[in-house]
């Protein structure tokens, strides 16, 4: 009886302690590059906080919930900062986490051979996302003005269906969805990918971490702990890639091989997926640590990224003006974390 009471006491005490911990609400869509949050949770790499992780496939829904105070942290693609700054919606980019080294592709349907064939046609992108900028830059490189096509706003599952059914003539896809199109739609072809040097050196196509102003202001230490949990999970994955990839695959309902195709097995820089920055590499990209990040990227390249995305969002009409980087990027949590790690 004493043993039973002791067990009940310990369970009750553990639950009470967990209930007293601050909860950090994290949103992400189904993408292996964001799966480190699940490793952090499963391996208890953030013992001082409760991670409440939600999968929301539309990033703009996640951002809307951040503005409404329902989400604290979001992992998404890295281009949203200028839009958030212009809207004044209380969201900041706090880190650039994963440059794309080939997972993003522009794919043409069988009825299109060149960019010129897309004039007046519909193309699948996530409007207000990197896929739209990538498509626009590729079109203009090949002599087609960015506004000479019709952009169809779809999430990846729907983009694949639109492409295969012939509703769109082209699209920007990341893996494993691009591979699905190429395999399923006979005659489709990849005409550009993010691993090509001309795209890679821009640092344009990659992932980021966002936090709400309210979270950063009211809970700076908790924000720091949440960010630390993410980078600790990356470090853990690099030492345990097989188990880590299995954790991510289960959480986002991907095949393990699809996860491996995107983030690899932690053995080195990817040539067909993404490269997962560690804390130091992210800090270098953000200009908060000495040295240059890998892949030929530059120290403080976040400024170039900000300028490029700001210019395009103004062209597309998503913003009304060019805003300074400090209006859409908060360097403090990463700076604080790097300083602590020194």
C-alpha atoms as a PDB file:
ATOM      1  CA  UNK A   1       0.000   0.000   0.000  1.00  0.00           C
ATOM      2  CA  UNK A   2       2.858   2.357   0.855  1.00  0.00           C
ATOM      3  CA  UNK A   3       4.393   1.696  -2.569  1.00  0.00           C
ATOM      4  CA  UNK A   4       1.114   2.524  -4.298  1.00  0.00           C
ATOM      5  CA  UNK A   5       0.734   5.747  -2.309  1.00  0.00           C
ATOM      6  CA  UNK A   6       4.322   6.692  -3.095  1.00  0.00           C
ATOM      7  CA  UNK A   7       3.748   6.147  -6.821  1.00  0.00           C
ATOM      8  CA  UNK A   8       0.534   8.172  -6.737  1.00  0.00           C
ATOM      9  CA  UNK A   9       2.309  10.966  -4.867  1.00  0.00           C
ATOM     10  CA  UNK A  10       5.157  11.065  -7.373  1.00  0.00           C
ATOM     11  CA  UNK A  11       2.795  11.055 -10.347  1.00  0.00           C
ATOM     12  CA  UNK A  12       0.687  13.805  -8.812  1.00  0.00           C
ATOM     13  CA  UNK A  13       3.773  15.853  -7.963  1.00  0.00           C
ATOM     14  CA  UNK A  14       5.217  15.446 -11.464  1.00  0.00           C
ATOM     15  CA  UNK A  15       1.921  16.513 -13.031  1.00  0.00           C
ATOM     16  CA  UNK A  16       1.731  19.512 -10.713  1.00  0.00           C
ATOM     17  CA  UNK A  17       5.264  20.571 -11.568  1.00  0.00           C
ATOM     18  CA  UNK A  18       4.517  20.218 -15.296  1.00  0.00           C
ATOM     19  CA  UNK A  19       1.344  22.254 -14.865  1.00  0.00           C
ATOM     20  CA  UNK A  20       3.369  25.047 -13.270  1.00  0.00           C
ATOM     21  CA  UNK A  21       5.808  25.267 -16.177  1.00  0.00           C
ATOM     22  CA  UNK A  22       5.274  28.019 -18.744  1.00  0.00           C
ATOM     23  CA  UNK A  23       3.656  26.738 -21.934  1.00  0.00           C
ATOM     24  CA  UNK A  24       5.097  27.775 -25.284  1.00  0.00           C
ATOM     25  CA  UNK A  25       2.630  27.374 -28.152  1.00  0.00           C
ATOM     26  CA  UNK A  26       4.424  26.448 -31.374  1.00  0.00           C
ATOM     27  CA  UNK A  27       2.895  26.221 -34.844  1.00  0.00           C
ATOM     28  CA  UNK A  28       4.377  24.679 -37.986  1.00  0.00           C
ATOM     29  CA  UNK A  29       3.227  23.033 -41.172  1.00  0.00           C
ATOM     30  CA  UNK A  30       4.131  19.496 -42.250  1.00  0.00           C
ATOM     31  CA  UNK A  31       7.758  19.890 -43.220  1.00  0.00           C
ATOM     32  CA  UNK A  32      10.804  17.945 -41.986  1.00  0.00           C
ATOM     33  CA  UNK A  33      12.853  21.107 -41.494  1.00  0.00           C
ATOM     34  CA  UNK A  34      10.539  22.154 -38.671  1.00  0.00           C
ATOM     35  CA  UNK A  35      10.446  18.733 -37.036  1.00  0.00           C
ATOM     36  CA  UNK A  36      13.180  19.513 -34.517  1.00  0.00           C
ATOM     37  CA  UNK A  37      10.490  20.909 -32.243  1.00  0.00           C
ATOM     38  CA  UNK A  38       9.097  17.386 -31.910  1.00  0.00           C
ATOM     39  CA  UNK A  39      12.540  16.049 -31.008  1.00  0.00           C
ATOM     40  CA  UNK A  40      12.862  18.750 -28.343  1.00  0.00           C
ATOM     41  CA  UNK A  41       9.533  17.714 -26.868  1.00  0.00           C
ATOM     42  CA  UNK A  42       9.980  13.934 -27.038  1.00  0.00           C
ATOM     43  CA  UNK A  43      13.516  14.009 -25.653  1.00  0.00           C
ATOM     44  CA  UNK A  44      12.624  16.574 -22.978  1.00  0.00           C
ATOM     45  CA  UNK A  45      15.302  18.978 -24.168  1.00  0.00           C
ATOM     46  CA  UNK A  46      13.329  21.870 -22.687  1.00  0.00           C
ATOM     47  CA  UNK A  47      12.662  20.680 -19.115  1.00  0.00           C
ATOM     48  CA  UNK A  48      11.747  24.183 -17.940  1.00  0.00           C
ATOM     49  CA  UNK A  49       8.906  24.714 -20.423  1.00  0.00           C
ATOM     50  CA  UNK A  50       5.932  22.852 -21.876  1.00  0.00           C
ATOM     51  CA  UNK A  51       6.012  22.750 -25.672  1.00  0.00           C
ATOM     52  CA  UNK A  52       2.500  22.727 -27.146  1.00  0.00           C
ATOM     53  CA  UNK A  53       3.097  21.975 -30.835  1.00  0.00           C
ATOM     54  CA  UNK A  54       0.351  22.358 -33.434  1.00  0.00           C
ATOM     55  CA  UNK A  55       0.445  21.472 -37.120  1.00  0.00           C
ATOM     56  CA  UNK A  56      -1.281  24.175 -39.168  1.00  0.00           C
ATOM     57  CA  UNK A  57      -0.791  23.688 -42.892  1.00  0.00           C
ATOM     58  CA  UNK A  58      -1.486  27.291 -43.913  1.00  0.00           C
ATOM     59  CA  UNK A  59       1.291  29.527 -42.502  1.00  0.00           C
ATOM     60  CA  UNK A  60      -0.918  32.601 -42.785  1.00  0.00           C
ATOM     61  CA  UNK A  61      -3.353  30.956 -40.398  1.00  0.00           C
ATOM     62  CA  UNK A  62      -0.485  30.462 -37.965  1.00  0.00           C
ATOM     63  CA  UNK A  63       0.526  34.100 -38.305  1.00  0.00           C
ATOM     64  CA  UNK A  64      -3.062  35.170 -37.744  1.00  0.00           C
ATOM     65  CA  UNK A  65      -3.183  33.175 -34.534  1.00  0.00           C
ATOM     66  CA  UNK A  66       0.111  34.731 -33.441  1.00  0.00           C
ATOM     67  CA  UNK A  67      -1.362  38.194 -33.882  1.00  0.00           C
ATOM     68  CA  UNK A  68      -4.421  37.085 -31.906  1.00  0.00           C
ATOM     69  CA  UNK A  69      -2.217  35.889 -29.055  1.00  0.00           C
ATOM     70  CA  UNK A  70      -2.982  32.191 -29.553  1.00  0.00           C
ATOM     71  CA  UNK A  71       0.476  31.150 -30.830  1.00  0.00           C
ATOM     72  CA  UNK A  72       3.878  32.227 -29.466  1.00  0.00           C
ATOM     73  CA  UNK A  73       6.324  30.727 -31.968  1.00  0.00           C
ATOM     74  CA  UNK A  74       6.007  29.662 -35.587  1.00  0.00           C
ATOM     75  CA  UNK A  75       8.382  27.861 -37.918  1.00  0.00           C
ATOM     76  CA  UNK A  76       7.771  28.770 -41.538  1.00  0.00           C
ATOM     77  CA  UNK A  77       9.584  29.980 -44.611  1.00  0.00           C
ATOM     78  CA  UNK A  78      11.836  32.963 -44.124  1.00  0.00           C
ATOM     79  CA  UNK A  79      10.229  35.730 -46.182  1.00  0.00           C
ATOM     80  CA  UNK A  80       7.377  36.931 -43.967  1.00  0.00           C
ATOM     81  CA  UNK A  81       9.247  39.577 -41.960  1.00  0.00           C
ATOM     82  CA  UNK A  82       8.707  42.501 -44.385  1.00  0.00           C
ATOM     83  CA  UNK A  83       4.988  41.708 -44.659  1.00  0.00           C
ATOM     84  CA  UNK A  84       4.638  41.538 -40.873  1.00  0.00           C
ATOM     85  CA  UNK A  85       6.510  44.816 -40.481  1.00  0.00           C
ATOM     86  CA  UNK A  86       4.314  46.603 -43.000  1.00  0.00           C
ATOM     87  CA  UNK A  87       1.145  45.239 -41.431  1.00  0.00           C
ATOM     88  CA  UNK A  88       2.336  46.043 -37.910  1.00  0.00           C
ATOM     89  CA  UNK A  89       0.859  42.755 -36.735  1.00  0.00           C
ATOM     90  CA  UNK A  90       3.278  42.079 -33.896  1.00  0.00           C
ATOM     91  CA  UNK A  91       5.327  39.256 -35.445  1.00  0.00           C
ATOM     92  CA  UNK A  92       9.119  39.134 -35.736  1.00  0.00           C
ATOM     93  CA  UNK A  93      11.538  36.840 -37.519  1.00  0.00           C
ATOM     94  CA  UNK A  94      14.048  35.748 -34.868  1.00  0.00           C
ATOM     95  CA  UNK A  95      16.261  33.300 -36.782  1.00  0.00           C
ATOM     96  CA  UNK A  96      17.005  31.956 -40.237  1.00  0.00           C
ATOM     97  CA  UNK A  97      17.248  28.207 -39.708  1.00  0.00           C
ATOM     98  CA  UNK A  98      17.632  26.154 -42.907  1.00  0.00           C
ATOM     99  CA  UNK A  99      18.786  27.255 -46.382  1.00  0.00           C
ATOM    100  CA  UNK A 100      17.332  25.177 -49.187  1.00  0.00           C
ATOM    101  CA  UNK A 101      19.979  23.260 -51.129  1.00  0.00           C
ATOM    102  CA  UNK A 102      17.789  21.673 -53.765  1.00  0.00           C
ATOM    103  CA  UNK A 103      14.459  20.684 -52.282  1.00  0.00           C
ATOM    104  CA  UNK A 104      12.615  23.581 -53.957  1.00  0.00           C
ATOM    105  CA  UNK A 105      11.923  23.216 -57.682  1.00  0.00           C
ATOM    106  CA  UNK A 106      10.087  25.032 -60.429  1.00  0.00           C
ATOM    107  CA  UNK A 107       8.291  22.435 -62.500  1.00  0.00           C
ATOM    108  CA  UNK A 108       6.604  22.889 -65.858  1.00  0.00           C
ATOM    109  CA  UNK A 109       3.698  20.776 -67.052  1.00  0.00           C
ATOM    110  CA  UNK A 110       3.962  18.830 -70.333  1.00  0.00           C
ATOM    111  CA  UNK A 111       2.163  21.637 -72.181  1.00  0.00           C
ATOM    112  CA  UNK A 112       4.903  24.173 -71.358  1.00  0.00           C
ATOM    113  CA  UNK A 113       8.462  24.037 -72.651  1.00  0.00           C
ATOM    114  CA  UNK A 114       9.788  27.471 -71.689  1.00  0.00           C
ATOM    115  CA  UNK A 115       8.923  30.454 -69.500  1.00  0.00           C
ATOM    116  CA  UNK A 116       7.387  32.149 -72.542  1.00  0.00           C
ATOM    117  CA  UNK A 117       4.778  29.383 -72.701  1.00  0.00           C
ATOM    118  CA  UNK A 118       3.508  30.458 -69.283  1.00  0.00           C
ATOM    119  CA  UNK A 119       2.353  33.915 -70.346  1.00  0.00           C
ATOM    120  CA  UNK A 120      -1.301  34.262 -69.418  1.00  0.00           C
ATOM    121  CA  UNK A 121      -1.282  30.824 -67.782  1.00  0.00           C
ATOM    122  CA  UNK A 122      -1.912  29.835 -64.173  1.00  0.00           C
ATOM    123  CA  UNK A 123       0.988  28.819 -61.938  1.00  0.00           C
ATOM    124  CA  UNK A 124       0.746  27.251 -58.485  1.00  0.00           C
ATOM    125  CA  UNK A 125       2.455  29.078 -55.608  1.00  0.00           C
ATOM    126  CA  UNK A 126       1.798  30.035 -52.024  1.00  0.00           C
ATOM    127  CA  UNK A 127       0.979  33.718 -52.446  1.00  0.00           C
ATOM    128  CA  UNK A 128       2.936  35.837 -50.017  1.00  0.00           C
ATOM    129  CA  UNK A 129       5.487  33.035 -49.717  1.00  0.00           C
ATOM    130  CA  UNK A 130       8.940  32.238 -51.053  1.00  0.00           C
ATOM    131  CA  UNK A 131       7.466  30.052 -53.767  1.00  0.00           C
ATOM    132  CA  UNK A 132       5.925  33.128 -55.368  1.00  0.00           C
ATOM    133  CA  UNK A 133       9.184  35.103 -55.295  1.00  0.00           C
ATOM    134  CA  UNK A 134      11.182  32.166 -56.663  1.00  0.00           C
ATOM    135  CA  UNK A 135       8.708  31.762 -59.520  1.00  0.00           C
ATOM    136  CA  UNK A 136       8.683  35.500 -60.267  1.00  0.00           C
ATOM    137  CA  UNK A 137      12.477  35.759 -60.312  1.00  0.00           C
ATOM    138  CA  UNK A 138      12.789  32.741 -62.592  1.00  0.00           C
ATOM    139  CA  UNK A 139      10.181  34.141 -64.990  1.00  0.00           C
ATOM    140  CA  UNK A 140      11.914  37.509 -65.226  1.00  0.00           C
ATOM    141  CA  UNK A 141      15.303  35.862 -65.724  1.00  0.00           C
ATOM    142  CA  UNK A 142      13.798  34.188 -68.793  1.00  0.00           C
ATOM    143  CA  UNK A 143      12.135  37.283 -70.219  1.00  0.00           C
ATOM    144  CA  UNK A 144       8.629  37.000 -68.778  1.00  0.00           C
ATOM    145  CA  UNK A 145       7.386  39.779 -66.515  1.00  0.00           C
ATOM    146  CA  UNK A 146       6.348  38.598 -63.067  1.00  0.00           C
ATOM    147  CA  UNK A 147       2.777  39.831 -63.602  1.00  0.00           C
ATOM    148  CA  UNK A 148       2.287  38.124 -66.980  1.00  0.00           C
ATOM    149  CA  UNK A 149       1.079  34.923 -65.282  1.00  0.00           C
ATOM    150  CA  UNK A 150      -1.840  34.151 -62.990  1.00  0.00           C
ATOM    151  CA  UNK A 151      -0.775  33.063 -59.492  1.00  0.00           C
ATOM    152  CA  UNK A 152      -2.947  30.360 -57.930  1.00  0.00           C
ATOM    153  CA  UNK A 153      -2.654  30.312 -54.153  1.00  0.00           C
ATOM    154  CA  UNK A 154      -2.523  26.698 -52.933  1.00  0.00           C
ATOM    155  CA  UNK A 155      -0.848  24.628 -50.215  1.00  0.00           C
ATOM    156  CA  UNK A 156       1.382  21.793 -51.402  1.00  0.00           C
ATOM    157  CA  UNK A 157      -1.115  18.920 -51.453  1.00  0.00           C
ATOM    158  CA  UNK A 158      -3.515  21.015 -53.501  1.00  0.00           C
ATOM    159  CA  UNK A 159      -0.700  22.262 -55.727  1.00  0.00           C
ATOM    160  CA  UNK A 160       0.196  18.704 -56.695  1.00  0.00           C
ATOM    161  CA  UNK A 161      -3.437  17.963 -57.553  1.00  0.00           C
ATOM    162  CA  UNK A 162      -3.737  21.191 -59.565  1.00  0.00           C
ATOM    163  CA  UNK A 163      -0.625  20.342 -61.540  1.00  0.00           C
ATOM    164  CA  UNK A 164      -1.525  16.725 -62.240  1.00  0.00           C
ATOM    165  CA  UNK A 165      -5.084  17.641 -63.247  1.00  0.00           C
ATOM    166  CA  UNK A 166      -3.860  20.297 -65.666  1.00  0.00           C
ATOM    167  CA  UNK A 167      -5.398  23.263 -63.825  1.00  0.00           C
ATOM    168  CA  UNK A 168      -2.011  24.985 -63.704  1.00  0.00           C
ATOM    169  CA  UNK A 169       0.793  25.073 -66.259  1.00  0.00           C
ATOM    170  CA  UNK A 170       3.613  25.229 -63.720  1.00  0.00           C
ATOM    171  CA  UNK A 171       4.327  25.457 -60.030  1.00  0.00           C
ATOM    172  CA  UNK A 172       6.958  25.838 -57.369  1.00  0.00           C
ATOM    173  CA  UNK A 173       7.195  22.698 -55.249  1.00  0.00           C
ATOM    174  CA  UNK A 174       9.309  21.489 -52.384  1.00  0.00           C
ATOM    175  CA  UNK A 175       9.992  17.840 -51.637  1.00  0.00           C
ATOM    176  CA  UNK A 176       8.478  15.359 -51.429  1.00  0.00           C
ATOM    177  CA  UNK A 177       5.744  17.095 -53.437  1.00  0.00           C
ATOM    178  CA  UNK A 178       7.937  18.036 -56.403  1.00  0.00           C
ATOM    179  CA  UNK A 179       9.025  14.436 -56.741  1.00  0.00           C
ATOM    180  CA  UNK A 180       5.402  13.339 -56.682  1.00  0.00           C
ATOM    181  CA  UNK A 181       4.599  15.635 -59.614  1.00  0.00           C
ATOM    182  CA  UNK A 182       7.587  14.517 -61.663  1.00  0.00           C
ATOM    183  CA  UNK A 183       6.777  10.870 -61.013  1.00  0.00           C
ATOM    184  CA  UNK A 184       3.036  11.125 -61.604  1.00  0.00           C
ATOM    185  CA  UNK A 185       2.769  13.625 -64.454  1.00  0.00           C
ATOM    186  CA  UNK A 186       4.503  12.211 -67.498  1.00  0.00           C
ATOM    187  CA  UNK A 187       6.336  14.889 -69.446  1.00  0.00           C
ATOM    188  CA  UNK A 188       6.626  17.340 -66.544  1.00  0.00           C
ATOM    189  CA  UNK A 189      10.104  18.736 -65.970  1.00  0.00           C
ATOM    190  CA  UNK A 190      12.128  20.609 -63.391  1.00  0.00           C
ATOM    191  CA  UNK A 191      13.641  23.762 -64.866  1.00  0.00           C
ATOM    192  CA  UNK A 192      15.210  25.315 -61.762  1.00  0.00           C
ATOM    193  CA  UNK A 193      16.059  24.225 -58.240  1.00  0.00           C
ATOM    194  CA  UNK A 194      17.293  25.937 -55.113  1.00  0.00           C
ATOM    195  CA  UNK A 195      20.569  24.005 -55.079  1.00  0.00           C
ATOM    196  CA  UNK A 196      21.843  25.776 -58.179  1.00  0.00           C
ATOM    197  CA  UNK A 197      24.551  28.284 -57.286  1.00  0.00           C
ATOM    198  CA  UNK A 198      22.697  31.302 -58.638  1.00  0.00           C
ATOM    199  CA  UNK A 199      19.810  30.632 -56.238  1.00  0.00           C
ATOM    200  CA  UNK A 200      21.793  29.230 -53.335  1.00  0.00           C
ATOM    201  CA  UNK A 201      24.055  32.252 -53.010  1.00  0.00           C
ATOM    202  CA  UNK A 202      21.075  34.583 -52.580  1.00  0.00           C
ATOM    203  CA  UNK A 203      20.026  32.828 -49.375  1.00  0.00           C
ATOM    204  CA  UNK A 204      16.494  33.589 -50.550  1.00  0.00           C
ATOM    205  CA  UNK A 205      14.957  30.158 -50.158  1.00  0.00           C
ATOM    206  CA  UNK A 206      15.048  28.904 -46.603  1.00  0.00           C
ATOM    207  CA  UNK A 207      13.213  28.519 -43.325  1.00  0.00           C
ATOM    208  CA  UNK A 208      12.844  30.809 -40.355  1.00  0.00           C
ATOM    209  CA  UNK A 209      11.617  31.009 -36.806  1.00  0.00           C
ATOM    210  CA  UNK A 210       9.111  33.685 -35.746  1.00  0.00           C
ATOM    211  CA  UNK A 211       7.954  34.912 -32.361  1.00  0.00           C
ATOM    212  CA  UNK A 212       5.195  37.305 -31.410  1.00  0.00           C
ATOM    213  CA  UNK A 213       6.083  40.682 -29.939  1.00  0.00           C
ATOM    214  CA  UNK A 214       3.913  39.901 -26.932  1.00  0.00           C
ATOM    215  CA  UNK A 215       5.870  36.711 -26.233  1.00  0.00           C
ATOM    216  CA  UNK A 216       9.232  38.425 -26.722  1.00  0.00           C
ATOM    217  CA  UNK A 217       8.280  41.334 -24.474  1.00  0.00           C
ATOM    218  CA  UNK A 218       6.479  39.547 -21.665  1.00  0.00           C
ATOM    219  CA  UNK A 219       8.542  36.353 -21.544  1.00  0.00           C
ATOM    220  CA  UNK A 220      12.074  37.042 -22.851  1.00  0.00           C
ATOM    221  CA  UNK A 221      13.656  34.292 -20.748  1.00  0.00           C
ATOM    222  CA  UNK A 222      11.031  31.776 -21.837  1.00  0.00           C
ATOM    223  CA  UNK A 223      11.559  32.844 -25.456  1.00  0.00           C
ATOM    224  CA  UNK A 224      15.272  32.224 -25.019  1.00  0.00           C
ATOM    225  CA  UNK A 225      14.605  28.774 -23.518  1.00  0.00           C
ATOM    226  CA  UNK A 226      12.311  27.876 -26.405  1.00  0.00           C
ATOM    227  CA  UNK A 227      14.916  28.887 -28.954  1.00  0.00           C
ATOM    228  CA  UNK A 228      17.590  26.951 -27.064  1.00  0.00           C
ATOM    229  CA  UNK A 229      15.377  23.861 -27.123  1.00  0.00           C
ATOM    230  CA  UNK A 230      15.211  24.077 -30.922  1.00  0.00           C
ATOM    231  CA  UNK A 231      18.989  24.295 -31.388  1.00  0.00           C
ATOM    232  CA  UNK A 232      19.575  21.611 -28.764  1.00  0.00           C
ATOM    233  CA  UNK A 233      17.255  19.395 -30.801  1.00  0.00           C
ATOM    234  CA  UNK A 234      19.299  20.051 -33.944  1.00  0.00           C
ATOM    235  CA  UNK A 235      22.457  19.066 -32.061  1.00  0.00           C
ATOM    236  CA  UNK A 236      20.743  15.937 -30.703  1.00  0.00           C
ATOM    237  CA  UNK A 237      19.580  14.976 -34.214  1.00  0.00           C
ATOM    238  CA  UNK A 238      23.106  15.299 -35.587  1.00  0.00           C
ATOM    239  CA  UNK A 239      24.247  12.726 -33.039  1.00  0.00           C
ATOM    240  CA  UNK A 240      21.169  10.504 -33.445  1.00  0.00           C
ATOM    241  CA  UNK A 241      19.959  11.016 -37.028  1.00  0.00           C
ATOM    242  CA  UNK A 242      18.197   7.689 -37.470  1.00  0.00           C
ATOM    243  CA  UNK A 243      16.087   8.027 -34.328  1.00  0.00           C
ATOM    244  CA  UNK A 244      15.582  11.731 -34.911  1.00  0.00           C
ATOM    245  CA  UNK A 245      14.316  11.229 -38.453  1.00  0.00           C
ATOM    246  CA  UNK A 246      11.908   8.581 -37.191  1.00  0.00           C
ATOM    247  CA  UNK A 247      10.542  10.981 -34.556  1.00  0.00           C
ATOM    248  CA  UNK A 248       9.992  13.679 -37.174  1.00  0.00           C
ATOM    249  CA  UNK A 249       8.429  11.276 -39.690  1.00  0.00           C
ATOM    250  CA  UNK A 250       5.919  10.024 -37.133  1.00  0.00           C
ATOM    251  CA  UNK A 251       4.993  13.535 -35.994  1.00  0.00           C
ATOM    252  CA  UNK A 252       4.355  15.002 -39.454  1.00  0.00           C
ATOM    253  CA  UNK A 253       3.093  11.737 -40.990  1.00  0.00           C
ATOM    254  CA  UNK A 254       5.834  11.473 -43.618  1.00  0.00           C
ATOM    255  CA  UNK A 255       7.674   8.352 -44.696  1.00  0.00           C
ATOM    256  CA  UNK A 256      11.087   8.227 -43.050  1.00  0.00           C
ATOM    257  CA  UNK A 257      12.741   8.231 -46.472  1.00  0.00           C
ATOM    258  CA  UNK A 258      10.943  11.458 -47.377  1.00  0.00           C
ATOM    259  CA  UNK A 259      12.352  13.030 -44.219  1.00  0.00           C
ATOM    260  CA  UNK A 260      15.840  11.779 -45.107  1.00  0.00           C
ATOM    261  CA  UNK A 261      15.468  13.170 -48.632  1.00  0.00           C
ATOM    262  CA  UNK A 262      14.836  16.621 -47.136  1.00  0.00           C
ATOM    263  CA  UNK A 263      17.137  16.892 -44.096  1.00  0.00           C
ATOM    264  CA  UNK A 264      19.551  14.016 -44.694  1.00  0.00           C
ATOM    265  CA  UNK A 265      21.243  11.892 -42.092  1.00  0.00           C
ATOM    266  CA  UNK A 266      23.264  14.686 -40.443  1.00  0.00           C
ATOM    267  CA  UNK A 267      26.479  13.545 -42.125  1.00  0.00           C
ATOM    268  CA  UNK A 268      27.178  16.849 -43.855  1.00  0.00           C
ATOM    269  CA  UNK A 269      25.770  19.532 -46.176  1.00  0.00           C
ATOM    270  CA  UNK A 270      22.861  18.369 -48.280  1.00  0.00           C
ATOM    271  CA  UNK A 271      22.993  18.425 -52.065  1.00  0.00           C
ATOM    272  CA  UNK A 272      19.314  17.835 -52.731  1.00  0.00           C
ATOM    273  CA  UNK A 273      17.368  18.962 -49.659  1.00  0.00           C
ATOM    274  CA  UNK A 274      18.066  21.559 -47.006  1.00  0.00           C
ATOM    275  CA  UNK A 275      21.035  22.295 -44.783  1.00  0.00           C
ATOM    276  CA  UNK A 276      20.088  22.465 -41.114  1.00  0.00           C
ATOM    277  CA  UNK A 277      21.978  25.293 -39.436  1.00  0.00           C
ATOM    278  CA  UNK A 278      23.303  24.836 -35.937  1.00  0.00           C
ATOM    279  CA  UNK A 279      23.247  27.726 -33.467  1.00  0.00           C
ATOM    280  CA  UNK A 280      26.563  29.221 -34.591  1.00  0.00           C
ATOM    281  CA  UNK A 281      25.729  29.021 -38.295  1.00  0.00           C
ATOM    282  CA  UNK A 282      22.363  30.671 -37.748  1.00  0.00           C
ATOM    283  CA  UNK A 283      24.016  33.401 -35.694  1.00  0.00           C
ATOM    284  CA  UNK A 284      26.539  34.004 -38.484  1.00  0.00           C
ATOM    285  CA  UNK A 285      23.767  34.365 -41.059  1.00  0.00           C
ATOM    286  CA  UNK A 286      22.028  36.810 -38.723  1.00  0.00           C
ATOM    287  CA  UNK A 287      25.272  38.781 -38.169  1.00  0.00           C
ATOM    288  CA  UNK A 288      25.498  37.860 -34.488  1.00  0.00           C
ATOM    289  CA  UNK A 289      28.635  35.694 -34.513  1.00  0.00           C
ATOM    290  CA  UNK A 290      31.980  36.024 -36.306  1.00  0.00           C
ATOM    291  CA  UNK A 291      32.704  34.063 -39.462  1.00  0.00           C
ATOM    292  CA  UNK A 292      30.642  33.057 -42.462  1.00  0.00           C
ATOM    293  CA  UNK A 293      27.921  30.402 -42.574  1.00  0.00           C
ATOM    294  CA  UNK A 294      28.436  27.430 -44.926  1.00  0.00           C
ATOM    295  CA  UNK A 295      27.455  27.041 -48.590  1.00  0.00           C
ATOM    296  CA  UNK A 296      29.136  30.280 -49.658  1.00  0.00           C
ATOM    297  CA  UNK A 297      26.696  32.412 -47.681  1.00  0.00           C
ATOM    298  CA  UNK A 298      27.833  35.590 -45.951  1.00  0.00           C
ATOM    299  CA  UNK A 299      27.895  36.968 -42.448  1.00  0.00           C
ATOM    300  CA  UNK A 300      24.801  39.109 -41.815  1.00  0.00           C
ATOM    301  CA  UNK A 301      23.218  37.871 -45.046  1.00  0.00           C
ATOM    302  CA  UNK A 302      19.863  38.398 -43.378  1.00  0.00           C
ATOM    303  CA  UNK A 303      20.133  42.042 -44.469  1.00  0.00           C
ATOM    304  CA  UNK A 304      20.441  41.037 -48.137  1.00  0.00           C
ATOM    305  CA  UNK A 305      17.555  38.620 -47.662  1.00  0.00           C
ATOM    306  CA  UNK A 306      15.449  41.389 -46.113  1.00  0.00           C
ATOM    307  CA  UNK A 307      16.202  43.782 -48.965  1.00  0.00           C
ATOM    308  CA  UNK A 308      15.390  41.214 -51.653  1.00  0.00           C
ATOM    309  CA  UNK A 309      12.101  40.054 -50.146  1.00  0.00           C
ATOM    310  CA  UNK A 310      11.085  43.626 -49.291  1.00  0.00           C
ATOM    311  CA  UNK A 311      11.545  44.675 -52.918  1.00  0.00           C
ATOM    312  CA  UNK A 312       9.433  41.813 -54.180  1.00  0.00           C
ATOM    313  CA  UNK A 313       6.599  42.262 -51.704  1.00  0.00           C
ATOM    314  CA  UNK A 314       6.376  45.894 -52.732  1.00  0.00           C
ATOM    315  CA  UNK A 315       6.165  44.841 -56.403  1.00  0.00           C
ATOM    316  CA  UNK A 316       3.448  42.310 -55.625  1.00  0.00           C
ATOM    317  CA  UNK A 317       1.507  44.821 -53.556  1.00  0.00           C
ATOM    318  CA  UNK A 318       1.745  42.903 -50.280  1.00  0.00           C
ATOM    319  CA  UNK A 319       3.432  45.935 -48.693  1.00  0.00           C
ATOM    320  CA  UNK A 320       3.064  49.669 -49.119  1.00  0.00           C
ATOM    321  CA  UNK A 321       6.693  50.654 -48.509  1.00  0.00           C
ATOM    322  CA  UNK A 322      10.169  49.364 -47.713  1.00  0.00           C
ATOM    323  CA  UNK A 323      10.619  49.118 -43.954  1.00  0.00           C
ATOM    324  CA  UNK A 324      13.858  48.902 -41.949  1.00  0.00           C
ATOM    325  CA  UNK A 325      14.936  45.431 -40.915  1.00  0.00           C
ATOM    326  CA  UNK A 326      14.475  46.169 -37.201  1.00  0.00           C
ATOM    327  CA  UNK A 327      10.736  46.539 -37.801  1.00  0.00           C
ATOM    328  CA  UNK A 328      10.384  42.901 -38.792  1.00  0.00           C
ATOM    329  CA  UNK A 329      13.359  41.124 -37.220  1.00  0.00           C
ATOM    330  CA  UNK A 330      14.187  40.738 -33.527  1.00  0.00           C
ATOM    331  CA  UNK A 331      17.840  39.844 -32.989  1.00  0.00           C
ATOM    332  CA  UNK A 332      17.634  39.761 -29.197  1.00  0.00           C
ATOM    333  CA  UNK A 333      16.731  36.142 -28.352  1.00  0.00           C
ATOM    334  CA  UNK A 334      19.397  34.685 -30.650  1.00  0.00           C
ATOM    335  CA  UNK A 335      21.957  37.277 -29.561  1.00  0.00           C
ATOM    336  CA  UNK A 336      21.252  36.475 -25.914  1.00  0.00           C
ATOM    337  CA  UNK A 337      21.537  32.748 -26.580  1.00  0.00           C
ATOM    338  CA  UNK A 338      24.841  33.108 -28.446  1.00  0.00           C
ATOM    339  CA  UNK A 339      26.263  35.293 -25.692  1.00  0.00           C
ATOM    340  CA  UNK A 340      25.303  32.703 -23.080  1.00  0.00           C
ATOM    341  CA  UNK A 341      26.883  29.907 -25.107  1.00  0.00           C
ATOM    342  CA  UNK A 342      30.244  31.724 -25.392  1.00  0.00           C
END
